[in-house]
Amino acid sequence: MIAYEVVYVQVIFFFPGPTTPAPIGPPEAPARLDFSEVTANSVTLTWDSISDAAYYVVKYSSPDTQDVFSDIAFTNEWRAIGLNPEASYSFEVTAVNEHGNSEPSQIVTVVTLGVPG
């Protein structure tokens, strides 16, 4: 007599639900650029964080000197130092990822304080 063994195999497939695709373009422009902690030679900038930004480029200039500067920030807060007292500076921020640069944020203008004396 031949004996047979019956084996049942249950295979379960897992299909994840819909996911949000990775962005395929440059990030959106940083919003709500604002400043605080203004002194005679520094100012702190903050803006809304952009989730797909790898970093930010902060660009600033002074109409008093015609100089244009830029720096990189890896968070949504950045402090400008070495500014001239009683000088006007205009700031804007651009978000950057592997697909390119965003449009610039709105421009904010700050006047540094005078030197106490």
N, C-alpha and C. Protein backbone atom coordinates (compact mmCIF):
# COMPACT_ATOMS: atom_id res chain seq x y z
N MET A 1 0.82 -1.16 0.00
CA MET A 1 0.00 0.00 0.00
C MET A 1 0.88 1.25 0.00
N ILE A 2 0.48 2.23 -0.80
CA ILE A 2 1.23 3.49 -0.92
C ILE A 2 0.49 4.54 -0.10
N ALA A 3 1.26 5.25 0.71
CA ALA A 3 0.66 6.32 1.54
C ALA A 3 1.00 7.66 0.91
N TYR A 4 0.05 8.51 0.89
CA TYR A 4 0.24 9.87 0.36
C TYR A 4 0.04 10.86 1.48
N GLU A 5 0.86 11.90 1.45
CA GLU A 5 0.70 12.98 2.44
C GLU A 5 0.30 14.23 1.69
N VAL A 6 -0.74 14.85 2.13
CA VAL A 6 -1.21 16.07 1.49
C VAL A 6 -0.69 17.25 2.30
N VAL A 7 -0.02 18.17 1.61
CA VAL A 7 0.54 19.36 2.26
C VAL A 7 -0.13 20.58 1.65
N TYR A 8 -0.65 21.42 2.48
CA TYR A 8 -1.24 22.67 2.02
C TYR A 8 -0.26 23.80 2.28
N VAL A 9 -0.04 24.61 1.29
CA VAL A 9 0.85 25.77 1.42
C VAL A 9 0.02 27.01 1.17
N GLN A 10 0.09 27.91 2.11
CA GLN A 10 -0.64 29.16 1.95
C GLN A 10 0.38 30.26 1.69
N VAL A 11 0.22 30.94 0.59
CA VAL A 11 1.12 32.03 0.22
C VAL A 11 0.35 33.34 0.37
N ILE A 12 0.92 34.24 1.12
CA ILE A 12 0.28 35.54 1.32
C ILE A 12 1.18 36.60 0.69
N PHE A 13 0.60 37.39 -0.19
CA PHE A 13 1.33 38.48 -0.81
C PHE A 13 0.93 39.78 -0.13
N PHE A 14 1.90 40.61 0.12
CA PHE A 14 1.63 41.91 0.72
C PHE A 14 1.85 42.98 -0.33
N PHE A 15 0.83 43.71 -0.61
CA PHE A 15 0.93 44.83 -1.55
C PHE A 15 0.70 46.10 -0.76
N PRO A 16 1.74 46.92 -0.64
CA PRO A 16 1.57 48.16 0.12
C PRO A 16 0.56 49.08 -0.57
N GLY A 17 -0.09 49.88 0.23
CA GLY A 17 -1.05 50.84 -0.32
C GLY A 17 -0.34 51.90 -1.13
N PRO A 18 -1.11 52.81 -1.67
CA PRO A 18 -0.51 53.87 -2.48
C PRO A 18 0.45 54.72 -1.64
N THR A 19 1.52 55.10 -2.24
CA THR A 19 2.49 55.95 -1.56
C THR A 19 2.60 57.26 -2.30
N THR A 20 3.10 58.24 -1.61
CA THR A 20 3.32 59.53 -2.24
C THR A 20 4.62 59.45 -3.03
N PRO A 21 4.57 59.72 -4.31
CA PRO A 21 5.80 59.64 -5.10
C PRO A 21 6.78 60.75 -4.68
N ALA A 22 8.04 60.45 -4.87
CA ALA A 22 9.06 61.46 -4.59
C ALA A 22 8.90 62.62 -5.55
N PRO A 23 9.18 63.82 -5.09
CA PRO A 23 9.05 64.97 -5.98
C PRO A 23 9.96 64.83 -7.20
N ILE A 24 9.49 65.32 -8.33
CA ILE A 24 10.25 65.19 -9.56
C ILE A 24 10.65 66.57 -10.07
N GLY A 25 10.74 67.51 -9.23
CA GLY A 25 11.11 68.85 -9.66
C GLY A 25 11.76 69.60 -8.52
N PRO A 26 12.10 70.83 -8.78
CA PRO A 26 12.71 71.63 -7.72
C PRO A 26 11.72 71.86 -6.58
N PRO A 27 12.21 72.18 -5.40
CA PRO A 27 11.32 72.40 -4.27
C PRO A 27 10.52 73.69 -4.43
N GLU A 28 9.50 73.82 -3.60
CA GLU A 28 8.73 75.06 -3.62
C GLU A 28 9.54 76.16 -2.93
N ALA A 29 9.18 77.39 -3.19
CA ALA A 29 9.90 78.53 -2.62
C ALA A 29 9.65 78.62 -1.13
N PRO A 30 10.68 78.95 -0.36
CA PRO A 30 10.48 79.14 1.08
C PRO A 30 9.47 80.28 1.33
N ALA A 31 8.59 80.04 2.27
CA ALA A 31 7.55 81.03 2.60
C ALA A 31 7.81 81.61 3.99
N ARG A 32 7.19 82.72 4.24
CA ARG A 32 7.22 83.42 5.53
C ARG A 32 8.64 83.72 6.03
N LEU A 33 9.46 84.25 5.15
CA LEU A 33 10.79 84.70 5.56
C LEU A 33 10.61 85.85 6.54
N ASP A 34 11.28 85.75 7.68
CA ASP A 34 11.15 86.76 8.72
C ASP A 34 12.50 86.94 9.40
N PHE A 35 12.63 88.02 10.16
CA PHE A 35 13.88 88.29 10.86
C PHE A 35 13.62 88.58 12.32
N SER A 36 14.66 88.38 13.14
CA SER A 36 14.59 88.67 14.57
C SER A 36 16.01 88.91 15.06
N GLU A 37 16.14 89.24 16.32
CA GLU A 37 17.44 89.41 16.97
C GLU A 37 18.37 90.33 16.18
N VAL A 38 17.86 91.49 15.81
CA VAL A 38 18.66 92.46 15.06
C VAL A 38 19.59 93.19 16.03
N THR A 39 20.88 93.23 15.69
CA THR A 39 21.87 93.99 16.46
C THR A 39 22.58 94.95 15.51
N ALA A 40 23.63 95.58 15.98
CA ALA A 40 24.39 96.49 15.14
C ALA A 40 25.13 95.76 14.02
N ASN A 41 25.44 94.46 14.23
CA ASN A 41 26.21 93.75 13.20
C ASN A 41 25.70 92.35 12.88
N SER A 42 24.44 92.04 13.27
CA SER A 42 23.91 90.71 12.95
C SER A 42 22.38 90.72 12.92
N VAL A 43 21.84 89.67 12.32
CA VAL A 43 20.39 89.47 12.27
C VAL A 43 20.14 87.97 12.07
N THR A 44 19.06 87.47 12.65
CA THR A 44 18.67 86.07 12.47
C THR A 44 17.47 86.01 11.55
N LEU A 45 17.53 85.11 10.57
CA LEU A 45 16.43 84.88 9.62
C LEU A 45 15.81 83.51 9.89
N THR A 46 14.49 83.41 9.71
CA THR A 46 13.79 82.13 9.76
C THR A 46 12.77 82.10 8.62
N TRP A 47 12.40 80.89 8.21
CA TRP A 47 11.41 80.70 7.16
C TRP A 47 10.80 79.33 7.34
N ASP A 48 9.70 79.07 6.64
CA ASP A 48 9.05 77.76 6.71
C ASP A 48 9.96 76.71 6.08
N SER A 49 10.11 75.59 6.76
CA SER A 49 10.93 74.49 6.26
C SER A 49 10.28 73.86 5.03
N ILE A 50 11.09 73.47 4.07
CA ILE A 50 10.63 72.80 2.85
C ILE A 50 11.06 71.34 2.96
N SER A 51 10.09 70.41 2.96
CA SER A 51 10.39 69.00 3.25
C SER A 51 11.35 68.36 2.26
N ASP A 52 11.32 68.75 0.99
CA ASP A 52 12.20 68.09 0.02
C ASP A 52 13.43 68.93 -0.32
N ALA A 53 13.74 69.93 0.50
CA ALA A 53 14.95 70.74 0.27
C ALA A 53 16.16 70.04 0.89
N ALA A 54 17.24 69.97 0.15
CA ALA A 54 18.49 69.43 0.68
C ALA A 54 19.23 70.50 1.49
N TYR A 55 19.11 71.74 1.03
CA TYR A 55 19.69 72.89 1.73
C TYR A 55 19.08 74.16 1.17
N TYR A 56 19.46 75.29 1.74
CA TYR A 56 18.95 76.59 1.33
C TYR A 56 20.11 77.51 0.99
N VAL A 57 19.89 78.39 0.04
CA VAL A 57 20.87 79.43 -0.28
C VAL A 57 20.29 80.76 0.19
N VAL A 58 21.02 81.42 1.08
CA VAL A 58 20.61 82.73 1.57
C VAL A 58 21.43 83.77 0.81
N LYS A 59 20.73 84.66 0.15
CA LYS A 59 21.39 85.71 -0.62
C LYS A 59 21.03 87.05 0.01
N TYR A 60 22.05 87.89 0.20
CA TYR A 60 21.75 89.20 0.77
C TYR A 60 22.66 90.26 0.19
N SER A 61 22.15 91.47 0.22
CA SER A 61 22.90 92.59 -0.36
C SER A 61 22.59 93.85 0.43
N SER A 62 23.47 94.82 0.24
CA SER A 62 23.28 96.12 0.87
C SER A 62 23.33 97.18 -0.21
N PRO A 63 22.25 97.95 -0.36
CA PRO A 63 22.29 99.03 -1.34
C PRO A 63 23.31 100.10 -0.96
N ASP A 64 23.69 100.12 0.32
CA ASP A 64 24.68 101.10 0.77
C ASP A 64 26.06 100.83 0.17
N THR A 65 26.39 99.54 -0.03
CA THR A 65 27.73 99.19 -0.52
C THR A 65 27.72 98.52 -1.89
N GLN A 66 26.55 98.11 -2.38
CA GLN A 66 26.40 97.38 -3.64
C GLN A 66 27.01 95.97 -3.59
N ASP A 67 27.40 95.50 -2.42
CA ASP A 67 27.94 94.14 -2.28
C ASP A 67 26.80 93.13 -2.24
N VAL A 68 27.03 91.96 -2.85
CA VAL A 68 26.07 90.86 -2.80
C VAL A 68 26.78 89.65 -2.21
N PHE A 69 26.14 89.01 -1.24
CA PHE A 69 26.72 87.86 -0.56
C PHE A 69 25.76 86.69 -0.63
N SER A 70 26.28 85.47 -0.50
CA SER A 70 25.42 84.30 -0.38
C SER A 70 26.07 83.30 0.56
N ASP A 71 25.24 82.49 1.17
CA ASP A 71 25.70 81.48 2.12
C ASP A 71 24.74 80.31 2.06
N ILE A 72 25.14 79.17 2.60
CA ILE A 72 24.31 77.97 2.61
C ILE A 72 23.82 77.72 4.02
N ALA A 73 22.54 77.34 4.14
CA ALA A 73 21.95 76.95 5.42
C ALA A 73 21.37 75.55 5.27
N PHE A 74 21.54 74.72 6.29
CA PHE A 74 21.00 73.37 6.25
C PHE A 74 19.74 73.21 7.09
N THR A 75 19.32 74.29 7.74
CA THR A 75 18.06 74.33 8.47
C THR A 75 17.31 75.58 8.04
N ASN A 76 16.14 75.78 8.59
CA ASN A 76 15.36 76.95 8.22
C ASN A 76 15.60 78.14 9.16
N GLU A 77 16.80 78.20 9.71
CA GLU A 77 17.22 79.35 10.51
C GLU A 77 18.68 79.66 10.16
N TRP A 78 18.99 80.94 10.03
CA TRP A 78 20.35 81.34 9.63
C TRP A 78 20.65 82.71 10.23
N ARG A 79 21.88 82.90 10.66
CA ARG A 79 22.28 84.16 11.28
C ARG A 79 23.34 84.84 10.43
N ALA A 80 23.07 86.08 10.02
CA ALA A 80 24.06 86.90 9.31
C ALA A 80 24.90 87.62 10.36
N ILE A 81 26.20 87.55 10.20
CA ILE A 81 27.10 88.26 11.13
C ILE A 81 28.06 89.12 10.32
N GLY A 82 28.71 90.05 10.98
CA GLY A 82 29.68 90.90 10.30
C GLY A 82 29.02 92.00 9.48
N LEU A 83 27.78 92.34 9.80
CA LEU A 83 27.09 93.40 9.07
C LEU A 83 27.54 94.76 9.59
N ASN A 84 27.32 95.79 8.80
CA ASN A 84 27.67 97.15 9.21
C ASN A 84 26.55 97.76 10.04
N PRO A 85 26.90 98.56 11.07
CA PRO A 85 25.87 99.22 11.86
C PRO A 85 25.09 100.24 11.03
N GLU A 86 23.82 100.42 11.38
CA GLU A 86 22.94 101.38 10.73
C GLU A 86 22.94 101.25 9.21
N ALA A 87 22.94 100.00 8.74
CA ALA A 87 22.95 99.73 7.30
C ALA A 87 21.72 98.91 6.92
N SER A 88 21.26 99.10 5.71
CA SER A 88 20.11 98.39 5.18
C SER A 88 20.59 97.16 4.42
N TYR A 89 19.94 96.01 4.66
CA TYR A 89 20.26 94.76 3.96
C TYR A 89 18.97 94.12 3.48
N SER A 90 19.01 93.59 2.27
CA SER A 90 17.88 92.84 1.70
C SER A 90 18.26 91.37 1.65
N PHE A 91 17.34 90.49 2.08
CA PHE A 91 17.59 89.06 2.16
C PHE A 91 16.54 88.30 1.37
N GLU A 92 16.95 87.18 0.74
CA GLU A 92 16.03 86.24 0.13
C GLU A 92 16.61 84.84 0.26
N VAL A 93 15.75 83.83 0.24
CA VAL A 93 16.17 82.45 0.44
C VAL A 93 15.64 81.60 -0.71
N THR A 94 16.48 80.68 -1.19
CA THR A 94 16.10 79.73 -2.23
C THR A 94 16.32 78.33 -1.68
N ALA A 95 15.36 77.42 -1.90
CA ALA A 95 15.51 76.02 -1.51
C ALA A 95 16.12 75.25 -2.67
N VAL A 96 16.95 74.25 -2.35
CA VAL A 96 17.65 73.48 -3.38
C VAL A 96 17.49 71.99 -3.09
N ASN A 97 17.22 71.20 -4.14
CA ASN A 97 17.27 69.74 -4.03
C ASN A 97 17.95 69.19 -5.28
N GLU A 98 17.94 67.87 -5.45
CA GLU A 98 18.65 67.25 -6.58
C GLU A 98 18.05 67.60 -7.93
N HIS A 99 16.85 68.18 -7.93
CA HIS A 99 16.19 68.54 -9.19
C HIS A 99 16.33 70.01 -9.55
N GLY A 100 16.93 70.80 -8.66
CA GLY A 100 17.13 72.21 -8.99
C GLY A 100 16.83 73.15 -7.85
N ASN A 101 16.71 74.42 -8.19
CA ASN A 101 16.47 75.48 -7.22
C ASN A 101 15.02 75.94 -7.29
N SER A 102 14.48 76.32 -6.14
CA SER A 102 13.14 76.89 -6.11
C SER A 102 13.19 78.34 -6.59
N GLU A 103 12.03 78.91 -6.73
CA GLU A 103 11.96 80.35 -6.91
C GLU A 103 12.41 80.97 -5.59
N PRO A 104 12.93 82.19 -5.62
CA PRO A 104 13.33 82.82 -4.36
C PRO A 104 12.12 83.16 -3.50
N SER A 105 12.37 83.23 -2.20
CA SER A 105 11.34 83.69 -1.27
C SER A 105 11.06 85.17 -1.52
N GLN A 106 10.10 85.69 -0.78
CA GLN A 106 9.93 87.14 -0.83
C GLN A 106 11.18 87.78 -0.22
N ILE A 107 11.42 89.01 -0.53
CA ILE A 107 12.58 89.74 -0.01
C ILE A 107 12.17 90.46 1.27
N VAL A 108 13.03 90.35 2.28
CA VAL A 108 12.83 91.16 3.48
C VAL A 108 14.01 92.10 3.62
N THR A 109 13.73 93.31 4.09
CA THR A 109 14.77 94.32 4.26
C THR A 109 14.89 94.62 5.75
N VAL A 110 16.13 94.65 6.22
CA VAL A 110 16.43 94.88 7.63
C VAL A 110 17.41 96.03 7.73
N VAL A 111 17.22 96.89 8.71
CA VAL A 111 18.19 97.94 9.01
C VAL A 111 18.83 97.58 10.35
N THR A 112 20.14 97.41 10.34
CA THR A 112 20.85 97.07 11.58
C THR A 112 20.83 98.26 12.54
N LEU A 113 21.02 97.94 13.80
CA LEU A 113 21.01 98.98 14.83
C LEU A 113 22.30 99.78 14.81
N GLY A 114 22.27 100.94 15.45
CA GLY A 114 23.48 101.74 15.60
C GLY A 114 24.34 101.19 16.73
N VAL A 115 25.59 101.58 16.76
CA VAL A 115 26.50 101.17 17.81
C VAL A 115 26.18 101.99 19.07
N PRO A 116 25.92 101.31 20.18
CA PRO A 116 25.63 102.07 21.39
C PRO A 116 26.85 102.90 21.80
N GLY A 117 26.58 104.06 22.25
CA GLY A 117 27.75 104.85 22.64
C GLY A 117 27.36 106.06 23.28
